[in-house]
């Protein structure tokens, strides 16, 4: 009789421990998923990458862009002087 009561108590305690473990596991998984889904900084990273690409292109084509701008401004100056 005593063994039956003790085994029932052990079974109940095992169930409680399992329920607590499941709750803790779910909480841990949900917290990890919320970190993965958090993309608040994505806009900043994208803007920084775009700026870096534009600066790189500016340095790459610096000579060509400056020569095009110089010819455009010289044409504008000749047109203005002709008036």
PDB file of N, CA and C in Angstrom:
ATOM      1  N   UNK A   1       0.811  -1.190   0.000  1.00  0.00           N
ATOM      2  CA  UNK A   1       0.000   0.000   0.000  1.00  0.00           C
ATOM      3  C   UNK A   1       0.859   1.259   0.000  1.00  0.00           C
ATOM      4  N   UNK A   2       1.901   1.244   0.865  1.00  0.00           N
ATOM      5  CA  UNK A   2       2.774   2.402   0.946  1.00  0.00           C
ATOM      6  C   UNK A   2       3.548   2.569  -0.354  1.00  0.00           C
ATOM      7  N   UNK A   3       3.973   1.457  -0.932  1.00  0.00           N
ATOM      8  CA  UNK A   3       4.716   1.515  -2.191  1.00  0.00           C
ATOM      9  C   UNK A   3       3.864   2.094  -3.309  1.00  0.00           C
ATOM     10  N   UNK A   4       2.583   1.795  -3.321  1.00  0.00           N
ATOM     11  CA  UNK A   4       1.676   2.317  -4.325  1.00  0.00           C
ATOM     12  C   UNK A   4       1.545   3.829  -4.197  1.00  0.00           C
ATOM     13  N   UNK A   5       1.416   4.320  -2.957  1.00  0.00           N
ATOM     14  CA  UNK A   5       1.309   5.757  -2.728  1.00  0.00           C
ATOM     15  C   UNK A   5       2.604   6.465  -3.110  1.00  0.00           C
ATOM     16  N   UNK A   6       3.716   5.856  -2.776  1.00  0.00           N
ATOM     17  CA  UNK A   6       5.013   6.458  -3.108  1.00  0.00           C
ATOM     18  C   UNK A   6       5.200   6.513  -4.620  1.00  0.00           C
ATOM     19  N   UNK A   7       4.806   5.456  -5.311  1.00  0.00           N
ATOM     20  CA  UNK A   7       4.957   5.450  -6.774  1.00  0.00           C
ATOM     21  C   UNK A   7       4.041   6.482  -7.426  1.00  0.00           C
ATOM     22  N   UNK A   8       2.847   6.688  -6.855  1.00  0.00           N
ATOM     23  CA  UNK A   8       1.956   7.716  -7.388  1.00  0.00           C
ATOM     24  C   UNK A   8       2.551   9.108  -7.177  1.00  0.00           C
ATOM     25  N   UNK A   9       3.155   9.315  -6.010  1.00  0.00           N
ATOM     26  CA  UNK A   9       3.789  10.605  -5.729  1.00  0.00           C
ATOM     27  C   UNK A   9       4.955  10.838  -6.676  1.00  0.00           C
ATOM     28  N   UNK A  10       5.736   9.804  -6.919  1.00  0.00           N
ATOM     29  CA  UNK A  10       6.874   9.919  -7.835  1.00  0.00           C
ATOM     30  C   UNK A  10       6.387  10.211  -9.248  1.00  0.00           C
ATOM     31  N   UNK A  11       5.340   9.526  -9.689  1.00  0.00           N
ATOM     32  CA  UNK A  11       4.784   9.762 -11.021  1.00  0.00           C
ATOM     33  C   UNK A  11       4.284  11.194 -11.162  1.00  0.00           C
ATOM     34  N   UNK A  12       3.593  11.700 -10.127  1.00  0.00           N
ATOM     35  CA  UNK A  12       3.094  13.080 -10.161  1.00  0.00           C
ATOM     36  C   UNK A  12       4.248  14.066 -10.207  1.00  0.00           C
ATOM     37  N   UNK A  13       5.280  13.798  -9.413  1.00  0.00           N
ATOM     38  CA  UNK A  13       6.429  14.708  -9.406  1.00  0.00           C
ATOM     39  C   UNK A  13       7.143  14.688 -10.755  1.00  0.00           C
ATOM     40  N   UNK A  14       7.210  13.512 -11.375  1.00  0.00           N
ATOM     41  CA  UNK A  14       7.810  13.415 -12.708  1.00  0.00           C
ATOM     42  C   UNK A  14       7.000  14.221 -13.718  1.00  0.00           C
ATOM     43  N   UNK A  15       5.684  14.149 -13.630  1.00  0.00           N
ATOM     44  CA  UNK A  15       4.832  14.915 -14.541  1.00  0.00           C
ATOM     45  C   UNK A  15       5.047  16.416 -14.357  1.00  0.00           C
ATOM     46  N   UNK A  16       5.159  16.834 -13.108  1.00  0.00           N
ATOM     47  CA  UNK A  16       5.371  18.252 -12.832  1.00  0.00           C
ATOM     48  C   UNK A  16       6.725  18.699 -13.377  1.00  0.00           C
ATOM     49  N   UNK A  17       7.743  17.892 -13.179  1.00  0.00           N
ATOM     50  CA  UNK A  17       9.079  18.230 -13.681  1.00  0.00           C
ATOM     51  C   UNK A  17       9.069  18.311 -15.201  1.00  0.00           C
ATOM     52  N   UNK A  18       8.399  17.386 -15.843  1.00  0.00           N
ATOM     53  CA  UNK A  18       8.322  17.391 -17.307  1.00  0.00           C
ATOM     54  C   UNK A  18       7.586  18.637 -17.798  1.00  0.00           C
ATOM     55  N   UNK A  19       6.496  18.998 -17.149  1.00  0.00           N
ATOM     56  CA  UNK A  19       5.755  20.197 -17.537  1.00  0.00           C
ATOM     57  C   UNK A  19       6.612  21.447 -17.385  1.00  0.00           C
ATOM     58  N   UNK A  20       7.369  21.521 -16.299  1.00  0.00           N
ATOM     59  CA  UNK A  20       8.255  22.670 -16.089  1.00  0.00           C
ATOM     60  C   UNK A  20       9.336  22.707 -17.161  1.00  0.00           C
ATOM     61  N   UNK A  21       9.897  21.557 -17.489  1.00  0.00           N
ATOM     62  CA  UNK A  21      10.934  21.499 -18.522  1.00  0.00           C
ATOM     63  C   UNK A  21      10.381  21.927 -19.880  1.00  0.00           C
ATOM     64  N   UNK A  22       9.171  21.497 -20.194  1.00  0.00           N
ATOM     65  CA  UNK A  22       8.555  21.877 -21.471  1.00  0.00           C
ATOM     66  C   UNK A  22       8.320  23.378 -21.521  1.00  0.00           C
ATOM     67  N   UNK A  23       7.840  23.949 -20.413  1.00  0.00           N
ATOM     68  CA  UNK A  23       7.612  25.395 -20.379  1.00  0.00           C
ATOM     69  C   UNK A  23       8.915  26.167 -20.541  1.00  0.00           C
ATOM     70  N   UNK A  24       9.970  25.711 -19.860  1.00  0.00           N
ATOM     71  CA  UNK A  24      11.263  26.380 -20.000  1.00  0.00           C
ATOM     72  C   UNK A  24      11.810  26.250 -21.412  1.00  0.00           C
ATOM     73  N   UNK A  25      11.640  25.083 -22.023  1.00  0.00           N
ATOM     74  CA  UNK A  25      12.112  24.867 -23.382  1.00  0.00           C
ATOM     75  C   UNK A  25      11.379  25.774 -24.361  1.00  0.00           C
ATOM     76  N   UNK A  26      10.054  25.867 -24.208  1.00  0.00           N
ATOM     77  CA  UNK A  26       9.271  26.742 -25.085  1.00  0.00           C
ATOM     78  C   UNK A  26       9.691  28.189 -24.926  1.00  0.00           C
ATOM     79  N   UNK A  27       9.944  28.598 -23.685  1.00  0.00           N
ATOM     80  CA  UNK A  27      10.365  29.972 -23.437  1.00  0.00           C
ATOM     81  C   UNK A  27      11.720  30.239 -24.085  1.00  0.00           C
ATOM     82  N   UNK A  28      12.645  29.309 -23.985  1.00  0.00           N
ATOM     83  CA  UNK A  28      13.969  29.467 -24.588  1.00  0.00           C
ATOM     84  C   UNK A  28      13.875  29.526 -26.103  1.00  0.00           C
ATOM     85  N   UNK A  29      13.063  28.669 -26.685  1.00  0.00           N
ATOM     86  CA  UNK A  29      12.910  28.660 -28.141  1.00  0.00           C
ATOM     87  C   UNK A  29      12.271  29.961 -28.614  1.00  0.00           C
ATOM     88  N   UNK A  30      11.245  30.428 -27.924  1.00  0.00           N
ATOM     89  CA  UNK A  30      10.583  31.672 -28.312  1.00  0.00           C
ATOM     90  C   UNK A  30      11.515  32.860 -28.197  1.00  0.00           C
ATOM     91  N   UNK A  31      12.368  32.883 -27.174  1.00  0.00           N
ATOM     92  CA  UNK A  31      13.289  34.005 -27.036  1.00  0.00           C
ATOM     93  C   UNK A  31      14.332  33.980 -28.145  1.00  0.00           C
ATOM     94  N   UNK A  32      14.784  32.794 -28.533  1.00  0.00           N
ATOM     95  CA  UNK A  32      15.748  32.705 -29.640  1.00  0.00           C
ATOM     96  C   UNK A  32      15.098  33.099 -30.955  1.00  0.00           C
ATOM     97  N   UNK A  33      13.862  32.695 -31.166  1.00  0.00           N
ATOM     98  CA  UNK A  33      13.174  33.064 -32.401  1.00  0.00           C
ATOM     99  C   UNK A  33      12.919  34.561 -32.468  1.00  0.00           C
ATOM    100  N   UNK A  34      12.632  35.179 -31.338  1.00  0.00           N
ATOM    101  CA  UNK A  34      12.395  36.616 -31.359  1.00  0.00           C
ATOM    102  C   UNK A  34      13.682  37.359 -31.688  1.00  0.00           C
ATOM    103  N   UNK A  35      14.824  36.834 -31.281  1.00  0.00           N
ATOM    104  CA  UNK A  35      16.099  37.469 -31.640  1.00  0.00           C
ATOM    105  C   UNK A  35      16.348  37.325 -33.129  1.00  0.00           C
ATOM    106  N   UNK A  36      16.037  36.181 -33.688  1.00  0.00           N
ATOM    107  CA  UNK A  36      16.241  35.955 -35.119  1.00  0.00           C
ATOM    108  C   UNK A  36      15.313  36.839 -35.943  1.00  0.00           C
ATOM    109  N   UNK A  37      14.068  36.979 -35.521  1.00  0.00           N
ATOM    110  CA  UNK A  37      13.100  37.761 -36.270  1.00  0.00           C
ATOM    111  C   UNK A  37      13.288  39.263 -36.113  1.00  0.00           C
ATOM    112  N   UNK A  38      14.072  39.687 -35.145  1.00  0.00           N
ATOM    113  CA  UNK A  38      14.272  41.112 -34.923  1.00  0.00           C
ATOM    114  C   UNK A  38      15.194  41.661 -35.999  1.00  0.00           C
ATOM    115  N   UNK A  39      14.672  42.482 -36.887  1.00  0.00           N
ATOM    116  CA  UNK A  39      15.478  43.060 -37.965  1.00  0.00           C
ATOM    117  C   UNK A  39      15.384  44.581 -37.947  1.00  0.00           C
ATOM    118  N   UNK A  40      15.414  45.158 -36.769  1.00  0.00           N
ATOM    119  CA  UNK A  40      15.288  46.601 -36.636  1.00  0.00           C
ATOM    120  C   UNK A  40      16.482  47.330 -37.230  1.00  0.00           C
ATOM    121  N   UNK A  41      17.664  46.735 -37.210  1.00  0.00           N
ATOM    122  CA  UNK A  41      18.852  47.401 -37.725  1.00  0.00           C
ATOM    123  C   UNK A  41      19.093  47.199 -39.203  1.00  0.00           C
ATOM    124  N   UNK A  42      18.217  46.493 -39.880  1.00  0.00           N
ATOM    125  CA  UNK A  42      18.436  46.212 -41.294  1.00  0.00           C
ATOM    126  C   UNK A  42      18.464  47.474 -42.128  1.00  0.00           C
ATOM    127  N   UNK A  43      17.640  48.449 -41.828  1.00  0.00           N
ATOM    128  CA  UNK A  43      17.623  49.688 -42.609  1.00  0.00           C
ATOM    129  C   UNK A  43      18.943  50.416 -42.521  1.00  0.00           C
ATOM    130  N   UNK A  44      19.536  50.448 -41.356  1.00  0.00           N
ATOM    131  CA  UNK A  44      20.820  51.130 -41.162  1.00  0.00           C
ATOM    132  C   UNK A  44      21.912  50.427 -41.944  1.00  0.00           C
ATOM    133  N   UNK A  45      21.924  49.118 -41.881  1.00  0.00           N
ATOM    134  CA  UNK A  45      22.948  48.352 -42.603  1.00  0.00           C
ATOM    135  C   UNK A  45      22.810  48.560 -44.099  1.00  0.00           C
ATOM    136  N   UNK A  46      21.600  48.549 -44.598  1.00  0.00           N
ATOM    137  CA  UNK A  46      21.391  48.747 -46.029  1.00  0.00           C
ATOM    138  C   UNK A  46      21.851  50.126 -46.471  1.00  0.00           C
ATOM    139  N   UNK A  47      21.539  51.154 -45.694  1.00  0.00           N
ATOM    140  CA  UNK A  47      21.947  52.514 -46.045  1.00  0.00           C
ATOM    141  C   UNK A  47      23.463  52.627 -46.044  1.00  0.00           C
ATOM    142  N   UNK A  48      24.115  52.034 -45.060  1.00  0.00           N
ATOM    143  CA  UNK A  48      25.582  52.087 -45.006  1.00  0.00           C
ATOM    144  C   UNK A  48      26.194  51.382 -46.205  1.00  0.00           C
ATOM    145  N   UNK A  49      25.642  50.230 -46.591  1.00  0.00           N
ATOM    146  CA  UNK A  49      26.166  49.512 -47.758  1.00  0.00           C
ATOM    147  C   UNK A  49      25.965  50.303 -49.039  1.00  0.00           C
ATOM    148  N   UNK A  50      24.827  50.944 -49.189  1.00  0.00           N
ATOM    149  CA  UNK A  50      24.567  51.758 -50.387  1.00  0.00           C
ATOM    150  C   UNK A  50      25.535  52.926 -50.443  1.00  0.00           C
ATOM    151  N   UNK A  51      25.774  53.576 -49.299  1.00  0.00           N
ATOM    152  CA  UNK A  51      26.717  54.695 -49.276  1.00  0.00           C
ATOM    153  C   UNK A  51      28.118  54.229 -49.632  1.00  0.00           C
ATOM    154  N   UNK A  52      28.520  53.076 -49.108  1.00  0.00           N
ATOM    155  CA  UNK A  52      29.847  52.554 -49.439  1.00  0.00           C
ATOM    156  C   UNK A  52      29.986  52.248 -50.923  1.00  0.00           C
ATOM    157  N   UNK A  53      28.943  51.693 -51.521  1.00  0.00           N
ATOM    158  CA  UNK A  53      28.987  51.406 -52.959  1.00  0.00           C
ATOM    159  C   UNK A  53      29.070  52.695 -53.764  1.00  0.00           C
ATOM    160  N   UNK A  54      28.289  53.700 -53.382  1.00  0.00           N
ATOM    161  CA  UNK A  54      28.323  54.971 -54.103  1.00  0.00           C
ATOM    162  C   UNK A  54      29.676  55.667 -53.974  1.00  0.00           C
ATOM    163  N   UNK A  55      30.261  55.632 -52.795  1.00  0.00           N
ATOM    164  CA  UNK A  55      31.586  56.236 -52.612  1.00  0.00           C
ATOM    165  C   UNK A  55      32.623  55.479 -53.429  1.00  0.00           C
ATOM    166  N   UNK A  56      32.526  54.159 -53.451  1.00  0.00           N
ATOM    167  CA  UNK A  56      33.448  53.365 -54.269  1.00  0.00           C
ATOM    168  C   UNK A  56      33.313  53.673 -55.747  1.00  0.00           C
ATOM    169  N   UNK A  57      32.083  53.802 -56.218  1.00  0.00           N
ATOM    170  CA  UNK A  57      31.878  54.168 -57.624  1.00  0.00           C
ATOM    171  C   UNK A  57      32.392  55.570 -57.921  1.00  0.00           C
ATOM    172  N   UNK A  58      32.216  56.478 -56.977  1.00  0.00           N
ATOM    173  CA  UNK A  58      32.702  57.845 -57.174  1.00  0.00           C
ATOM    174  C   UNK A  58      34.221  57.863 -57.297  1.00  0.00           C
ATOM    175  N   UNK A  59      34.904  57.102 -56.455  1.00  0.00           N
ATOM    176  CA  UNK A  59      36.363  57.050 -56.556  1.00  0.00           C
ATOM    177  C   UNK A  59      36.810  56.347 -57.829  1.00  0.00           C
ATOM    178  N   UNK A  60      36.083  55.341 -58.249  1.00  0.00           N
ATOM    179  CA  UNK A  60      36.449  54.602 -59.453  1.00  0.00           C
ATOM    180  C   UNK A  60      36.318  55.464 -60.700  1.00  0.00           C
ATOM    181  N   UNK A  61      35.215  56.173 -60.807  1.00  0.00           N
ATOM    182  CA  UNK A  61      34.958  56.967 -62.006  1.00  0.00           C
ATOM    183  C   UNK A  61      35.188  58.453 -61.775  1.00  0.00           C
ATOM    184  N   UNK A  62      36.063  58.786 -60.829  1.00  0.00           N
ATOM    185  CA  UNK A  62      36.317  60.177 -60.472  1.00  0.00           C
ATOM    186  C   UNK A  62      36.839  60.973 -61.673  1.00  0.00           C
ATOM    187  N   UNK A  63      37.772  60.428 -62.392  1.00  0.00           N
ATOM    188  CA  UNK A  63      38.356  61.126 -63.544  1.00  0.00           C
ATOM    189  C   UNK A  63      37.344  61.350 -64.653  1.00  0.00           C
ATOM    190  N   UNK A  64      36.564  60.339 -64.956  1.00  0.00           N
ATOM    191  CA  UNK A  64      35.584  60.453 -66.027  1.00  0.00           C
ATOM    192  C   UNK A  64      34.478  61.443 -65.669  1.00  0.00           C
ATOM    193  N   UNK A  65      34.025  61.378 -64.426  1.00  0.00           N
ATOM    194  CA  UNK A  65      32.957  62.281 -64.005  1.00  0.00           C
ATOM    195  C   UNK A  65      33.446  63.720 -64.014  1.00  0.00           C
ATOM    196  N   UNK A  66      34.653  63.948 -63.525  1.00  0.00           N
ATOM    197  CA  UNK A  66      35.174  65.318 -63.510  1.00  0.00           C
ATOM    198  C   UNK A  66      35.394  65.842 -64.925  1.00  0.00           C
ATOM    199  N   UNK A  67      35.827  64.989 -65.848  1.00  0.00           N
ATOM    200  CA  UNK A  67      36.019  65.462 -67.226  1.00  0.00           C
ATOM    201  C   UNK A  67      34.675  65.770 -67.883  1.00  0.00           C
ATOM    202  N   UNK A  68      33.679  64.975 -67.633  1.00  0.00           N
ATOM    203  CA  UNK A  68      32.343  65.259 -68.186  1.00  0.00           C
ATOM    204  C   UNK A  68      31.803  66.563 -67.610  1.00  0.00           C
ATOM    205  N   UNK A  69      31.941  66.747 -66.300  1.00  0.00           N
ATOM    206  CA  UNK A  69      31.465  67.990 -65.688  1.00  0.00           C
ATOM    207  C   UNK A  69      32.238  69.193 -66.206  1.00  0.00           C
ATOM    208  N   UNK A  70      33.537  69.055 -66.403  1.00  0.00           N
ATOM    209  CA  UNK A  70      34.333  70.172 -66.946  1.00  0.00           C
ATOM    210  C   UNK A  70      33.881  70.547 -68.347  1.00  0.00           C
ATOM    211  N   UNK A  71      33.609  69.548 -69.196  1.00  0.00           N
ATOM    212  CA  UNK A  71      33.152  69.870 -70.556  1.00  0.00           C
ATOM    213  C   UNK A  71      31.766  70.512 -70.527  1.00  0.00           C
ATOM    214  N   UNK A  72      30.899  70.046 -69.661  1.00  0.00           N
ATOM    215  CA  UNK A  72      29.557  70.631 -69.555  1.00  0.00           C
ATOM    216  C   UNK A  72      29.652  72.078 -69.101  1.00  0.00           C
ATOM    217  N   UNK A  73      30.469  72.338 -68.063  1.00  0.00           N
ATOM    218  CA  UNK A  73      30.589  73.711 -67.580  1.00  0.00           C
ATOM    219  C   UNK A  73      31.283  74.619 -68.585  1.00  0.00           C
ATOM    220  N   UNK A  74      32.230  74.095 -69.335  1.00  0.00           N
ATOM    221  CA  UNK A  74      32.884  74.927 -70.358  1.00  0.00           C
ATOM    222  C   UNK A  74      31.900  75.263 -71.476  1.00  0.00           C
ATOM    223  N   UNK A  75      31.047  74.338 -71.851  1.00  0.00           N
ATOM    224  CA  UNK A  75      30.024  74.622 -72.856  1.00  0.00           C
ATOM    225  C   UNK A  75      29.027  75.648 -72.336  1.00  0.00           C
ATOM    226  N   UNK A  76      28.666  75.529 -71.077  1.00  0.00           N
ATOM    227  CA  UNK A  76      27.742  76.502 -70.481  1.00  0.00           C
ATOM    228  C   UNK A  76      28.391  77.880 -70.477  1.00  0.00           C
ATOM    229  N   UNK A  77      29.682  77.954 -70.123  1.00  0.00           N
ATOM    230  CA  UNK A  77      30.368  79.238 -70.107  1.00  0.00           C
ATOM    231  C   UNK A  77      30.454  79.858 -71.495  1.00  0.00           C
ATOM    232  N   UNK A  78      30.724  79.049 -72.531  1.00  0.00           N
ATOM    233  CA  UNK A  78      30.789  79.601 -73.889  1.00  0.00           C
ATOM    234  C   UNK A  78      29.428  80.083 -74.352  1.00  0.00           C
ATOM    235  N   UNK A  79      28.374  79.382 -74.008  1.00  0.00           N
ATOM    236  CA  UNK A  79      27.018  79.808 -74.386  1.00  0.00           C
ATOM    237  C   UNK A  79      26.645  81.116 -73.672  1.00  0.00           C
ATOM    238  N   UNK A  80      27.022  81.194 -72.374  1.00  0.00           N
ATOM    239  CA  UNK A  80      26.701  82.412 -71.616  1.00  0.00           C
ATOM    240  C   UNK A  80      27.494  83.591 -72.158  1.00  0.00           C
ATOM    241  N   UNK A  81      28.753  83.381 -72.504  1.00  0.00           N
ATOM    242  CA  UNK A  81      29.587  84.459 -73.046  1.00  0.00           C
ATOM    243  C   UNK A  81      29.119  84.903 -74.423  1.00  0.00           C
ATOM    244  N   UNK A  82      28.477  84.007 -75.175  1.00  0.00           N
ATOM    245  CA  UNK A  82      28.019  84.390 -76.513  1.00  0.00           C
ATOM    246  C   UNK A  82      26.795  85.291 -76.450  1.00  0.00           C
ATOM    247  N   UNK A  83      26.088  85.334 -75.344  1.00  0.00           N
ATOM    248  CA  UNK A  83      24.947  86.238 -75.209  1.00  0.00           C
ATOM    249  C   UNK A  83      25.499  87.585 -74.956  1.00  0.00           C
TER     250      UNK A  83
END
